[in-house]
Amino acid sequence: MLQKYSNSRRKARHIMKSLTRILPAVVALVMAYSLSALGADATFGQKTESSPGMQKDECVLVAKNCGNDTINAWVQRLETEIARGTDVYSNAELDKLQRELAEAHKLQKIYNNQFPPVAL
């Protein structure tokens, strides 16, 4: 019985030594991978094309970095971005912008019906 206990104790010690050698390497690899993944995300929304006119507008795509636009300014901004076409945006992004423009036109119509212009 004493011999069996010492064998299992040696095995446990061997396993623990192996873990102390392998675990830091695994942790280092995971950290390196996660840092590289975070580095790839850091370029989101930044200019990736060489020409400054080819930069996408984050505000109209994902509602980031938006100012306080009026509904009319928002419609004009969407129309401008849609006019840039497939040189800048993918077809899926253009479809999304078209849907946003349709929604903005509906809001504009509702707003104009509730608050008609006053003749002075």
PDB file of N, CA and C in Angstrom:
ATOM      1  N   MET A   1       0.821  -1.195   0.000  1.00  0.00           N
ATOM      2  CA  MET A   1       0.000   0.000   0.000  1.00  0.00           C
ATOM      3  C   MET A   1       0.861   1.253   0.000  1.00  0.00           C
ATOM      4  N   LEU A   2       1.940   1.212   0.780  1.00  0.00           N
ATOM      5  CA  LEU A   2       2.840   2.354   0.848  1.00  0.00           C
ATOM      6  C   LEU A   2       3.496   2.612  -0.506  1.00  0.00           C
ATOM      7  N   GLN A   3       3.847   1.560  -1.207  1.00  0.00           N
ATOM      8  CA  GLN A   3       4.465   1.696  -2.521  1.00  0.00           C
ATOM      9  C   GLN A   3       3.475   2.320  -3.520  1.00  0.00           C
ATOM     10  N   LYS A   4       2.216   1.897  -3.487  1.00  0.00           N
ATOM     11  CA  LYS A   4       1.202   2.415  -4.399  1.00  0.00           C
ATOM     12  C   LYS A   4       0.988   3.910  -4.179  1.00  0.00           C
ATOM     13  N   TYR A   5       0.994   4.327  -2.917  1.00  0.00           N
ATOM     14  CA  TYR A   5       0.805   5.741  -2.595  1.00  0.00           C
ATOM     15  C   TYR A   5       1.964   6.568  -3.130  1.00  0.00           C
ATOM     16  N   SER A   6       3.156   6.093  -3.021  1.00  0.00           N
ATOM     17  CA  SER A   6       4.310   6.861  -3.474  1.00  0.00           C
ATOM     18  C   SER A   6       4.352   6.930  -4.991  1.00  0.00           C
ATOM     19  N   ASN A   7       3.903   5.894  -5.697  1.00  0.00           N
ATOM     20  CA  ASN A   7       3.851   5.938  -7.159  1.00  0.00           C
ATOM     21  C   ASN A   7       2.848   6.986  -7.637  1.00  0.00           C
ATOM     22  N   SER A   8       1.683   7.026  -7.022  1.00  0.00           N
ATOM     23  CA  SER A   8       0.681   8.011  -7.432  1.00  0.00           C
ATOM     24  C   SER A   8       1.155   9.429  -7.081  1.00  0.00           C
ATOM     25  N   ARG A   9       1.895   9.515  -5.985  1.00  0.00           N
ATOM     26  CA  ARG A   9       2.423  10.827  -5.601  1.00  0.00           C
ATOM     27  C   ARG A   9       3.480  11.285  -6.602  1.00  0.00           C
ATOM     28  N   ARG A  10       4.315  10.368  -7.072  1.00  0.00           N
ATOM     29  CA  ARG A  10       5.316  10.705  -8.079  1.00  0.00           C
ATOM     30  C   ARG A  10       4.642  11.121  -9.384  1.00  0.00           C
ATOM     31  N   LYS A  11       3.584  10.407  -9.761  1.00  0.00           N
ATOM     32  CA  LYS A  11       2.851  10.759 -10.981  1.00  0.00           C
ATOM     33  C   LYS A  11       2.239  12.151 -10.870  1.00  0.00           C
ATOM     34  N   ALA A  12       1.661  12.438  -9.716  1.00  0.00           N
ATOM     35  CA  ALA A  12       1.057  13.754  -9.512  1.00  0.00           C
ATOM     36  C   ALA A  12       2.119  14.846  -9.575  1.00  0.00           C
ATOM     37  N   ARG A  13       3.267  14.590  -8.974  1.00  0.00           N
ATOM     38  CA  ARG A  13       4.358  15.561  -8.998  1.00  0.00           C
ATOM     39  C   ARG A  13       4.854  15.774 -10.427  1.00  0.00           C
ATOM     40  N   HIS A  14       4.957  14.678 -11.191  1.00  0.00           N
ATOM     41  CA  HIS A  14       5.381  14.774 -12.583  1.00  0.00           C
ATOM     42  C   HIS A  14       4.382  15.588 -13.413  1.00  0.00           C
ATOM     43  N   ILE A  15       3.107  15.342 -13.174  1.00  0.00           N
ATOM     44  CA  ILE A  15       2.065  16.090 -13.893  1.00  0.00           C
ATOM     45  C   ILE A  15       2.133  17.573 -13.538  1.00  0.00           C
ATOM     46  N   MET A  16       2.304  17.884 -12.289  1.00  0.00           N
ATOM     47  CA  MET A  16       2.385  19.279 -11.863  1.00  0.00           C
ATOM     48  C   MET A  16       3.609  19.978 -12.465  1.00  0.00           C
ATOM     49  N   LYS A  17       4.743  19.283 -12.508  1.00  0.00           N
ATOM     50  CA  LYS A  17       5.936  19.865 -13.126  1.00  0.00           C
ATOM     51  C   LYS A  17       5.704  20.115 -14.619  1.00  0.00           C
ATOM     52  N   SER A  18       5.046  19.166 -15.267  1.00  0.00           N
ATOM     53  CA  SER A  18       4.745  19.328 -16.690  1.00  0.00           C
ATOM     54  C   SER A  18       3.838  20.524 -16.922  1.00  0.00           C
ATOM     55  N   LEU A  19       2.838  20.665 -16.058  1.00  0.00           N
ATOM     56  CA  LEU A  19       1.917  21.798 -16.189  1.00  0.00           C
ATOM     57  C   LEU A  19       2.629  23.124 -15.973  1.00  0.00           C
ATOM     58  N   THR A  20       3.557  23.170 -15.028  1.00  0.00           N
ATOM     59  CA  THR A  20       4.259  24.435 -14.781  1.00  0.00           C
ATOM     60  C   THR A  20       5.182  24.795 -15.932  1.00  0.00           C
ATOM     61  N   ARG A  21       5.562  23.828 -16.731  1.00  0.00           N
ATOM     62  CA  ARG A  21       6.379  24.121 -17.916  1.00  0.00           C
ATOM     63  C   ARG A  21       5.515  24.498 -19.118  1.00  0.00           C
ATOM     64  N   ILE A  22       4.396  23.827 -19.273  1.00  0.00           N
ATOM     65  CA  ILE A  22       3.557  24.019 -20.460  1.00  0.00           C
ATOM     66  C   ILE A  22       2.611  25.204 -20.308  1.00  0.00           C
ATOM     67  N   LEU A  23       2.057  25.396 -19.128  1.00  0.00           N
ATOM     68  CA  LEU A  23       1.042  26.424 -18.924  1.00  0.00           C
ATOM     69  C   LEU A  23       1.521  27.838 -19.281  1.00  0.00           C
ATOM     70  N   PRO A  24       2.705  28.277 -18.886  1.00  0.00           N
ATOM     71  CA  PRO A  24       3.146  29.617 -19.285  1.00  0.00           C
ATOM     72  C   PRO A  24       3.245  29.787 -20.800  1.00  0.00           C
ATOM     73  N   ALA A  25       3.656  28.735 -21.489  1.00  0.00           N
ATOM     74  CA  ALA A  25       3.738  28.814 -22.949  1.00  0.00           C
ATOM     75  C   ALA A  25       2.351  28.957 -23.565  1.00  0.00           C
ATOM     76  N   VAL A  26       1.401  28.209 -23.043  1.00  0.00           N
ATOM     77  CA  VAL A  26       0.023  28.296 -23.549  1.00  0.00           C
ATOM     78  C   VAL A  26      -0.554  29.688 -23.282  1.00  0.00           C
ATOM     79  N   VAL A  27      -0.328  30.202 -22.085  1.00  0.00           N
ATOM     80  CA  VAL A  27      -0.821  31.540 -21.742  1.00  0.00           C
ATOM     81  C   VAL A  27      -0.197  32.589 -22.659  1.00  0.00           C
ATOM     82  N   ALA A  28       1.097  32.466 -22.924  1.00  0.00           N
ATOM     83  CA  ALA A  28       1.773  33.424 -23.810  1.00  0.00           C
ATOM     84  C   ALA A  28       1.192  33.374 -25.220  1.00  0.00           C
ATOM     85  N   LEU A  29       0.920  32.170 -25.719  1.00  0.00           N
ATOM     86  CA  LEU A  29       0.325  32.044 -27.050  1.00  0.00           C
ATOM     87  C   LEU A  29      -1.069  32.650 -27.106  1.00  0.00           C
ATOM     88  N   VAL A  30      -1.869  32.413 -26.097  1.00  0.00           N
ATOM     89  CA  VAL A  30      -3.221  32.972 -26.060  1.00  0.00           C
ATOM     90  C   VAL A  30      -3.162  34.492 -26.011  1.00  0.00           C
ATOM     91  N   MET A  31      -2.267  35.026 -25.211  1.00  0.00           N
ATOM     92  CA  MET A  31      -2.137  36.493 -25.127  1.00  0.00           C
ATOM     93  C   MET A  31      -1.669  37.080 -26.453  1.00  0.00           C
ATOM     94  N   ALA A  32      -0.711  36.426 -27.106  1.00  0.00           N
ATOM     95  CA  ALA A  32      -0.231  36.922 -28.396  1.00  0.00           C
ATOM     96  C   ALA A  32      -1.349  36.901 -29.435  1.00  0.00           C
ATOM     97  N   TYR A  33      -2.136  35.848 -29.429  1.00  0.00           N
ATOM     98  CA  TYR A  33      -3.247  35.753 -30.373  1.00  0.00           C
ATOM     99  C   TYR A  33      -4.286  36.842 -30.104  1.00  0.00           C
ATOM    100  N   SER A  34      -4.627  37.043 -28.844  1.00  0.00           N
ATOM    101  CA  SER A  34      -5.653  38.036 -28.526  1.00  0.00           C
ATOM    102  C   SER A  34      -5.165  39.447 -28.838  1.00  0.00           C
ATOM    103  N   LEU A  35      -3.893  39.724 -28.624  1.00  0.00           N
ATOM    104  CA  LEU A  35      -3.369  41.047 -28.965  1.00  0.00           C
ATOM    105  C   LEU A  35      -3.371  41.276 -30.464  1.00  0.00           C
ATOM    106  N   SER A  36      -3.062  40.240 -31.234  1.00  0.00           N
ATOM    107  CA  SER A  36      -3.099  40.409 -32.682  1.00  0.00           C
ATOM    108  C   SER A  36      -4.533  40.598 -33.166  1.00  0.00           C
ATOM    109  N   ALA A  37      -5.481  39.923 -32.526  1.00  0.00           N
ATOM    110  CA  ALA A  37      -6.888  40.099 -32.897  1.00  0.00           C
ATOM    111  C   ALA A  37      -7.360  41.504 -32.541  1.00  0.00           C
ATOM    112  N   LEU A  38      -6.945  42.022 -31.397  1.00  0.00           N
ATOM    113  CA  LEU A  38      -7.311  43.383 -31.015  1.00  0.00           C
ATOM    114  C   LEU A  38      -6.667  44.392 -31.945  1.00  0.00           C
ATOM    115  N   GLY A  39      -5.464  44.125 -32.382  1.00  0.00           N
ATOM    116  CA  GLY A  39      -4.791  45.018 -33.315  1.00  0.00           C
ATOM    117  C   GLY A  39      -5.510  45.088 -34.649  1.00  0.00           C
ATOM    118  N   ALA A  40      -6.083  43.983 -35.079  1.00  0.00           N
ATOM    119  CA  ALA A  40      -6.828  43.972 -36.337  1.00  0.00           C
ATOM    120  C   ALA A  40      -8.097  44.795 -36.210  1.00  0.00           C
ATOM    121  N   ASP A  41      -8.748  44.780 -35.035  1.00  0.00           N
ATOM    122  CA  ASP A  41      -9.965  45.551 -34.845  1.00  0.00           C
ATOM    123  C   ASP A  41      -9.684  47.037 -34.699  1.00  0.00           C
ATOM    124  N   ALA A  42      -8.482  47.404 -34.344  1.00  0.00           N
ATOM    125  CA  ALA A  42      -8.164  48.814 -34.134  1.00  0.00           C
ATOM    126  C   ALA A  42      -8.236  49.607 -35.425  1.00  0.00           C
ATOM    127  N   THR A  43      -8.191  48.952 -36.585  1.00  0.00           N
ATOM    128  CA  THR A  43      -8.243  49.670 -37.853  1.00  0.00           C
ATOM    129  C   THR A  43      -9.666  49.876 -38.336  1.00  0.00           C
ATOM    130  N   PHE A  44     -10.674  49.383 -37.605  1.00  0.00           N
ATOM    131  CA  PHE A  44     -12.056  49.540 -38.043  1.00  0.00           C
ATOM    132  C   PHE A  44     -12.417  51.011 -38.122  1.00  0.00           C
ATOM    133  N   GLY A  45     -12.971  51.402 -39.220  1.00  0.00           N
ATOM    134  CA  GLY A  45     -13.416  52.777 -39.379  1.00  0.00           C
ATOM    135  C   GLY A  45     -12.331  53.720 -39.834  1.00  0.00           C
ATOM    136  N   GLN A  46     -11.103  53.248 -39.911  1.00  0.00           N
ATOM    137  CA  GLN A  46     -10.047  54.099 -40.395  1.00  0.00           C
ATOM    138  C   GLN A  46      -9.927  53.924 -41.891  1.00  0.00           C
ATOM    139  N   LYS A  47      -9.257  54.870 -42.507  1.00  0.00           N
ATOM    140  CA  LYS A  47      -9.109  54.837 -43.950  1.00  0.00           C
ATOM    141  C   LYS A  47      -8.259  53.641 -44.353  1.00  0.00           C
ATOM    142  N   THR A  48      -8.789  52.797 -45.214  1.00  0.00           N
ATOM    143  CA  THR A  48      -8.040  51.651 -45.682  1.00  0.00           C
ATOM    144  C   THR A  48      -7.633  51.822 -47.135  1.00  0.00           C
ATOM    145  N   GLU A  49      -8.309  52.649 -47.859  1.00  0.00           N
ATOM    146  CA  GLU A  49      -7.971  52.897 -49.248  1.00  0.00           C
ATOM    147  C   GLU A  49      -6.952  54.022 -49.317  1.00  0.00           C
ATOM    148  N   SER A  50      -6.298  54.147 -50.440  1.00  0.00           N
ATOM    149  CA  SER A  50      -5.240  55.151 -50.565  1.00  0.00           C
ATOM    150  C   SER A  50      -5.807  56.553 -50.774  1.00  0.00           C
ATOM    151  N   SER A  51      -6.944  56.666 -51.395  1.00  0.00           N
ATOM    152  CA  SER A  51      -7.524  57.973 -51.689  1.00  0.00           C
ATOM    153  C   SER A  51      -8.422  58.427 -50.545  1.00  0.00           C
ATOM    154  N   PRO A  52      -8.308  59.700 -50.105  1.00  0.00           N
ATOM    155  CA  PRO A  52      -9.160  60.156 -49.005  1.00  0.00           C
ATOM    156  C   PRO A  52     -10.634  60.183 -49.367  1.00  0.00           C
ATOM    157  N   GLY A  53     -10.985  60.272 -50.633  1.00  0.00           N
ATOM    158  CA  GLY A  53     -12.376  60.288 -51.052  1.00  0.00           C
ATOM    159  C   GLY A  53     -13.036  58.923 -50.994  1.00  0.00           C
ATOM    160  N   MET A  54     -12.243  57.884 -50.731  1.00  0.00           N
ATOM    161  CA  MET A  54     -12.766  56.525 -50.719  1.00  0.00           C
ATOM    162  C   MET A  54     -13.093  56.052 -49.307  1.00  0.00           C
ATOM    163  N   GLN A  55     -13.006  56.912 -48.324  1.00  0.00           N
ATOM    164  CA  GLN A  55     -13.251  56.526 -46.942  1.00  0.00           C
ATOM    165  C   GLN A  55     -14.751  56.411 -46.690  1.00  0.00           C
ATOM    166  N   LYS A  56     -15.141  55.350 -45.977  1.00  0.00           N
ATOM    167  CA  LYS A  56     -16.545  55.138 -45.633  1.00  0.00           C
ATOM    168  C   LYS A  56     -16.910  56.033 -44.459  1.00  0.00           C
ATOM    169  N   ASP A  57     -18.163  56.427 -44.416  1.00  0.00           N
ATOM    170  CA  ASP A  57     -18.674  57.242 -43.319  1.00  0.00           C
ATOM    171  C   ASP A  57     -19.242  56.305 -42.260  1.00  0.00           C
ATOM    172  N   GLU A  58     -18.548  56.197 -41.112  1.00  0.00           N
ATOM    173  CA  GLU A  58     -18.987  55.304 -40.032  1.00  0.00           C
ATOM    174  C   GLU A  58     -20.371  55.664 -39.521  1.00  0.00           C
ATOM    175  N   CYS A  59     -20.667  56.921 -39.512  1.00  0.00           N
ATOM    176  CA  CYS A  59     -21.928  57.371 -38.938  1.00  0.00           C
ATOM    177  C   CYS A  59     -23.122  56.759 -39.672  1.00  0.00           C
ATOM    178  N   VAL A  60     -23.082  56.782 -40.986  1.00  0.00           N
ATOM    179  CA  VAL A  60     -24.232  56.258 -41.723  1.00  0.00           C
ATOM    180  C   VAL A  60     -24.259  54.738 -41.735  1.00  0.00           C
ATOM    181  N   LEU A  61     -23.119  54.094 -41.503  1.00  0.00           N
ATOM    182  CA  LEU A  61     -23.099  52.629 -41.513  1.00  0.00           C
ATOM    183  C   LEU A  61     -23.446  52.025 -40.162  1.00  0.00           C
ATOM    184  N   VAL A  62     -22.800  52.504 -39.090  1.00  0.00           N
ATOM    185  CA  VAL A  62     -22.982  51.863 -37.791  1.00  0.00           C
ATOM    186  C   VAL A  62     -23.298  52.858 -36.684  1.00  0.00           C
ATOM    187  N   ALA A  63     -23.708  54.046 -37.052  1.00  0.00           N
ATOM    188  CA  ALA A  63     -24.102  55.077 -36.086  1.00  0.00           C
ATOM    189  C   ALA A  63     -22.991  55.375 -35.082  1.00  0.00           C
ATOM    190  N   LYS A  64     -21.768  55.554 -35.581  1.00  0.00           N
ATOM    191  CA  LYS A  64     -20.640  55.958 -34.742  1.00  0.00           C
ATOM    192  C   LYS A  64     -20.148  57.311 -35.233  1.00  0.00           C
ATOM    193  N   ASN A  65     -19.684  58.115 -34.304  1.00  0.00           N
ATOM    194  CA  ASN A  65     -19.124  59.434 -34.617  1.00  0.00           C
ATOM    195  C   ASN A  65     -20.136  60.326 -35.322  1.00  0.00           C
ATOM    196  N   CYS A  66     -21.391  60.267 -34.907  1.00  0.00           N
ATOM    197  CA  CYS A  66     -22.438  61.074 -35.515  1.00  0.00           C
ATOM    198  C   CYS A  66     -22.591  62.390 -34.764  1.00  0.00           C
ATOM    199  N   GLY A  67     -22.870  63.411 -35.502  1.00  0.00           N
ATOM    200  CA  GLY A  67     -23.201  64.687 -34.884  1.00  0.00           C
ATOM    201  C   GLY A  67     -24.697  64.757 -34.649  1.00  0.00           C
ATOM    202  N   ASN A  68     -25.159  65.883 -34.238  1.00  0.00           N
ATOM    203  CA  ASN A  68     -26.601  66.084 -34.033  1.00  0.00           C
ATOM    204  C   ASN A  68     -27.186  66.667 -35.303  1.00  0.00           C
ATOM    205  N   ASP A  69     -27.466  65.803 -36.273  1.00  0.00           N
ATOM    206  CA  ASP A  69     -28.019  66.243 -37.549  1.00  0.00           C
ATOM    207  C   ASP A  69     -29.530  66.401 -37.447  1.00  0.00           C
ATOM    208  N   THR A  70     -30.054  67.343 -38.222  1.00  0.00           N
ATOM    209  CA  THR A  70     -31.502  67.427 -38.389  1.00  0.00           C
ATOM    210  C   THR A  70     -31.904  66.306 -39.345  1.00  0.00           C
ATOM    211  N   ILE A  71     -33.188  66.052 -39.452  1.00  0.00           N
ATOM    212  CA  ILE A  71     -33.649  64.991 -40.344  1.00  0.00           C
ATOM    213  C   ILE A  71     -33.296  65.328 -41.793  1.00  0.00           C
ATOM    214  N   ASN A  72     -33.383  66.615 -42.144  1.00  0.00           N
ATOM    215  CA  ASN A  72     -33.047  67.017 -43.516  1.00  0.00           C
ATOM    216  C   ASN A  72     -31.558  66.815 -43.796  1.00  0.00           C
ATOM    217  N   ALA A  73     -30.715  67.159 -42.824  1.00  0.00           N
ATOM    218  CA  ALA A  73     -29.276  66.962 -42.995  1.00  0.00           C
ATOM    219  C   ALA A  73     -28.936  65.472 -43.070  1.00  0.00           C
ATOM    220  N   TRP A  74     -29.658  64.659 -42.291  1.00  0.00           N
ATOM    221  CA  TRP A  74     -29.436  63.218 -42.314  1.00  0.00           C
ATOM    222  C   TRP A  74     -29.803  62.629 -43.667  1.00  0.00           C
ATOM    223  N   VAL A  75     -30.928  63.069 -44.235  1.00  0.00           N
ATOM    224  CA  VAL A  75     -31.344  62.601 -45.561  1.00  0.00           C
ATOM    225  C   VAL A  75     -30.298  62.988 -46.598  1.00  0.00           C
ATOM    226  N   GLN A  76     -29.832  64.227 -46.521  1.00  0.00           N
ATOM    227  CA  GLN A  76     -28.825  64.686 -47.479  1.00  0.00           C
ATOM    228  C   GLN A  76     -27.520  63.891 -47.328  1.00  0.00           C
ATOM    229  N   ARG A  77     -27.147  63.605 -46.106  1.00  0.00           N
ATOM    230  CA  ARG A  77     -25.925  62.831 -45.854  1.00  0.00           C
ATOM    231  C   ARG A  77     -26.051  61.416 -46.418  1.00  0.00           C
ATOM    232  N   LEU A  78     -27.208  60.790 -46.209  1.00  0.00           N
ATOM    233  CA  LEU A  78     -27.433  59.449 -46.755  1.00  0.00           C
ATOM    234  C   LEU A  78     -27.411  59.464 -48.279  1.00  0.00           C
ATOM    235  N   GLU A  79     -28.060  60.445 -48.872  1.00  0.00           N
ATOM    236  CA  GLU A  79     -28.072  60.539 -50.337  1.00  0.00           C
ATOM    237  C   GLU A  79     -26.666  60.727 -50.898  1.00  0.00           C
ATOM    238  N   THR A  80     -25.847  61.530 -50.213  1.00  0.00           N
ATOM    239  CA  THR A  80     -24.476  61.752 -50.652  1.00  0.00           C
ATOM    240  C   THR A  80     -23.677  60.459 -50.594  1.00  0.00           C
ATOM    241  N   GLU A  81     -23.828  59.705 -49.514  1.00  0.00           N
ATOM    242  CA  GLU A  81     -23.076  58.458 -49.368  1.00  0.00           C
ATOM    243  C   GLU A  81     -23.546  57.403 -50.371  1.00  0.00           C
ATOM    244  N   ILE A  82     -24.838  57.343 -50.633  1.00  0.00           N
ATOM    245  CA  ILE A  82     -25.358  56.388 -51.616  1.00  0.00           C
ATOM    246  C   ILE A  82     -24.845  56.733 -53.005  1.00  0.00           C
ATOM    247  N   ALA A  83     -24.723  58.028 -53.293  1.00  0.00           N
ATOM    248  CA  ALA A  83     -24.241  58.461 -54.602  1.00  0.00           C
ATOM    249  C   ALA A  83     -22.784  58.049 -54.845  1.00  0.00           C
ATOM    250  N   ARG A  84     -22.031  57.818 -53.786  1.00  0.00           N
ATOM    251  CA  ARG A  84     -20.635  57.396 -53.939  1.00  0.00           C
ATOM    252  C   ARG A  84     -20.544  55.981 -54.506  1.00  0.00           C
ATOM    253  N   GLY A  85     -21.602  55.199 -54.301  1.00  0.00           N
ATOM    254  CA  GLY A  85     -21.754  53.915 -54.970  1.00  0.00           C
ATOM    255  C   GLY A  85     -20.793  52.822 -54.552  1.00  0.00           C
ATOM    256  N   THR A  86     -20.584  51.892 -55.506  1.00  0.00           N
ATOM    257  CA  THR A  86     -19.804  50.692 -55.227  1.00  0.00           C
ATOM    258  C   THR A  86     -18.305  50.943 -55.217  1.00  0.00           C
ATOM    259  N   ASP A  87     -17.871  52.159 -55.540  1.00  0.00           N
ATOM    260  CA  ASP A  87     -16.447  52.474 -55.414  1.00  0.00           C
ATOM    261  C   ASP A  87     -16.030  52.454 -53.945  1.00  0.00           C
ATOM    262  N   VAL A  88     -16.966  52.799 -53.068  1.00  0.00           N
ATOM    263  CA  VAL A  88     -16.663  52.901 -51.648  1.00  0.00           C
ATOM    264  C   VAL A  88     -17.372  51.814 -50.850  1.00  0.00           C
ATOM    265  N   TYR A  89     -18.636  51.550 -51.160  1.00  0.00           N
ATOM    266  CA  TYR A  89     -19.463  50.638 -50.363  1.00  0.00           C
ATOM    267  C   TYR A  89     -19.740  49.341 -51.115  1.00  0.00           C
ATOM    268  N   SER A  90     -19.915  48.269 -50.357  1.00  0.00           N
ATOM    269  CA  SER A  90     -20.317  46.994 -50.956  1.00  0.00           C
ATOM    270  C   SER A  90     -21.814  47.063 -51.267  1.00  0.00           C
ATOM    271  N   ASN A  91     -22.297  46.094 -52.012  1.00  0.00           N
ATOM    272  CA  ASN A  91     -23.725  46.071 -52.352  1.00  0.00           C
ATOM    273  C   ASN A  91     -24.590  45.926 -51.107  1.00  0.00           C
ATOM    274  N   ALA A  92     -24.144  45.115 -50.152  1.00  0.00           N
ATOM    275  CA  ALA A  92     -24.912  44.933 -48.913  1.00  0.00           C
ATOM    276  C   ALA A  92     -24.972  46.245 -48.134  1.00  0.00           C
ATOM    277  N   GLU A  93     -23.865  46.980 -48.097  1.00  0.00           N
ATOM    278  CA  GLU A  93     -23.849  48.262 -47.394  1.00  0.00           C
ATOM    279  C   GLU A  93     -24.734  49.284 -48.097  1.00  0.00           C
ATOM    280  N   LEU A  94     -24.731  49.264 -49.422  1.00  0.00           N
ATOM    281  CA  LEU A  94     -25.604  50.178 -50.168  1.00  0.00           C
ATOM    282  C   LEU A  94     -27.074  49.853 -49.925  1.00  0.00           C
ATOM    283  N   ASP A  95     -27.411  48.566 -49.834  1.00  0.00           N
ATOM    284  CA  ASP A  95     -28.790  48.180 -49.518  1.00  0.00           C
ATOM    285  C   ASP A  95     -29.188  48.702 -48.138  1.00  0.00           C
ATOM    286  N   LYS A  96     -28.276  48.585 -47.185  1.00  0.00           N
ATOM    287  CA  LYS A  96     -28.548  49.077 -45.831  1.00  0.00           C
ATOM    288  C   LYS A  96     -28.757  50.592 -45.848  1.00  0.00           C
ATOM    289  N   LEU A  97     -27.932  51.295 -46.602  1.00  0.00           N
ATOM    290  CA  LEU A  97     -28.085  52.755 -46.700  1.00  0.00           C
ATOM    291  C   LEU A  97     -29.410  53.126 -47.358  1.00  0.00           C
ATOM    292  N   GLN A  98     -29.825  52.360 -48.370  1.00  0.00           N
ATOM    293  CA  GLN A  98     -31.120  52.609 -49.030  1.00  0.00           C
ATOM    294  C   GLN A  98     -32.270  52.426 -48.044  1.00  0.00           C
ATOM    295  N   ARG A  99     -32.185  51.383 -47.207  1.00  0.00           N
ATOM    296  CA  ARG A  99     -33.238  51.166 -46.199  1.00  0.00           C
ATOM    297  C   ARG A  99     -33.259  52.310 -45.184  1.00  0.00           C
ATOM    298  N   GLU A 100     -32.077  52.757 -44.771  1.00  0.00           N
ATOM    299  CA  GLU A 100     -32.009  53.880 -43.833  1.00  0.00           C
ATOM    300  C   GLU A 100     -32.577  55.152 -44.458  1.00  0.00           C
ATOM    301  N   LEU A 101     -32.306  55.350 -45.747  1.00  0.00           N
ATOM    302  CA  LEU A 101     -32.833  56.530 -46.439  1.00  0.00           C
ATOM    303  C   LEU A 101     -34.354  56.464 -46.526  1.00  0.00           C
ATOM    304  N   ALA A 102     -34.899  55.291 -46.819  1.00  0.00           N
ATOM    305  CA  ALA A 102     -36.356  55.142 -46.873  1.00  0.00           C
ATOM    306  C   ALA A 102     -36.965  55.448 -45.504  1.00  0.00           C
ATOM    307  N   GLU A 103     -36.343  54.965 -44.433  1.00  0.00           N
ATOM    308  CA  GLU A 103     -36.826  55.243 -43.080  1.00  0.00           C
ATOM    309  C   GLU A 103     -36.725  56.735 -42.764  1.00  0.00           C
ATOM    310  N   ALA A 104     -35.646  57.351 -43.194  1.00  0.00           N
ATOM    311  CA  ALA A 104     -35.471  58.788 -42.950  1.00  0.00           C
ATOM    312  C   ALA A 104     -36.523  59.600 -43.717  1.00  0.00           C
ATOM    313  N   HIS A 105     -36.859  59.174 -44.931  1.00  0.00           N
ATOM    314  CA  HIS A 105     -37.919  59.860 -45.699  1.00  0.00           C
ATOM    315  C   HIS A 105     -39.269  59.731 -44.994  1.00  0.00           C
ATOM    316  N   LYS A 106     -39.536  58.549 -44.418  1.00  0.00           N
ATOM    317  CA  LYS A 106     -40.792  58.371 -43.662  1.00  0.00           C
ATOM    318  C   LYS A 106     -40.827  59.311 -42.463  1.00  0.00           C
ATOM    319  N   LEU A 107     -39.723  59.381 -41.721  1.00  0.00           N
ATOM    320  CA  LEU A 107     -39.662  60.283 -40.565  1.00  0.00           C
ATOM    321  C   LEU A 107     -39.800  61.738 -40.981  1.00  0.00           C
ATOM    322  N   GLN A 108     -39.191  62.075 -42.106  1.00  0.00           N
ATOM    323  CA  GLN A 108     -39.282  63.446 -42.620  1.00  0.00           C
ATOM    324  C   GLN A 108     -40.730  63.786 -42.979  1.00  0.00           C
ATOM    325  N   LYS A 109     -41.430  62.840 -43.578  1.00  0.00           N
ATOM    326  CA  LYS A 109     -42.830  63.059 -43.959  1.00  0.00           C
ATOM    327  C   LYS A 109     -43.695  63.216 -42.713  1.00  0.00           C
ATOM    328  N   ILE A 110     -43.470  62.357 -41.701  1.00  0.00           N
ATOM    329  CA  ILE A 110     -44.227  62.465 -40.453  1.00  0.00           C
ATOM    330  C   ILE A 110     -43.960  63.808 -39.784  1.00  0.00           C
ATOM    331  N   TYR A 111     -42.716  64.191 -39.728  1.00  0.00           N
ATOM    332  CA  TYR A 111     -42.344  65.456 -39.089  1.00  0.00           C
ATOM    333  C   TYR A 111     -42.983  66.648 -39.816  1.00  0.00           C
ATOM    334  N   ASN A 112     -42.945  66.623 -41.141  1.00  0.00           N
ATOM    335  CA  ASN A 112     -43.522  67.740 -41.910  1.00  0.00           C
ATOM    336  C   ASN A 112     -45.044  67.793 -41.768  1.00  0.00           C
ATOM    337  N   ASN A 113     -45.704  66.647 -41.591  1.00  0.00           N
ATOM    338  CA  ASN A 113     -47.156  66.647 -41.405  1.00  0.00           C
ATOM    339  C   ASN A 113     -47.543  67.158 -40.022  1.00  0.00           C
ATOM    340  N   GLN A 114     -46.712  66.883 -39.017  1.00  0.00           N
ATOM    341  CA  GLN A 114     -47.016  67.326 -37.664  1.00  0.00           C
ATOM    342  C   GLN A 114     -46.710  68.809 -37.482  1.00  0.00           C
ATOM    343  N   PHE A 115     -45.678  69.269 -38.137  1.00  0.00           N
ATOM    344  CA  PHE A 115     -45.267  70.662 -37.998  1.00  0.00           C
ATOM    345  C   PHE A 115     -45.157  71.306 -39.378  1.00  0.00           C
ATOM    346  N   PRO A 116     -46.314  71.660 -39.956  1.00  0.00           N
ATOM    347  CA  PRO A 116     -46.279  72.260 -41.312  1.00  0.00           C
ATOM    348  C   PRO A 116     -45.602  73.625 -41.264  1.00  0.00           C
ATOM    349  N   PRO A 117     -44.956  73.999 -42.357  1.00  0.00           N
ATOM    350  CA  PRO A 117     -44.294  75.303 -42.386  1.00  0.00           C
ATOM    351  C   PRO A 117     -45.311  76.425 -42.235  1.00  0.00           C
ATOM    352  N   VAL A 118     -44.907  77.440 -41.532  1.00  0.00           N
ATOM    353  CA  VAL A 118     -45.775  78.588 -41.280  1.00  0.00           C
ATOM    354  C   VAL A 118     -45.386  79.712 -42.234  1.00  0.00           C
ATOM    355  N   ALA A 119     -46.389  80.224 -42.955  1.00  0.00           N
ATOM    356  CA  ALA A 119     -46.124  81.348 -43.854  1.00  0.00           C
ATOM    357  C   ALA A 119     -46.072  82.630 -43.072  1.00  0.00           C
ATOM    358  N   LEU A 120     -45.062  83.420 -43.280  1.00  0.00           N
ATOM    359  CA  LEU A 120     -44.932  84.687 -42.560  1.00  0.00           C
ATOM    360  C   LEU A 120     -45.256  85.851 -43.435  1.00  0.00           C
TER     361      LEU A 120
END
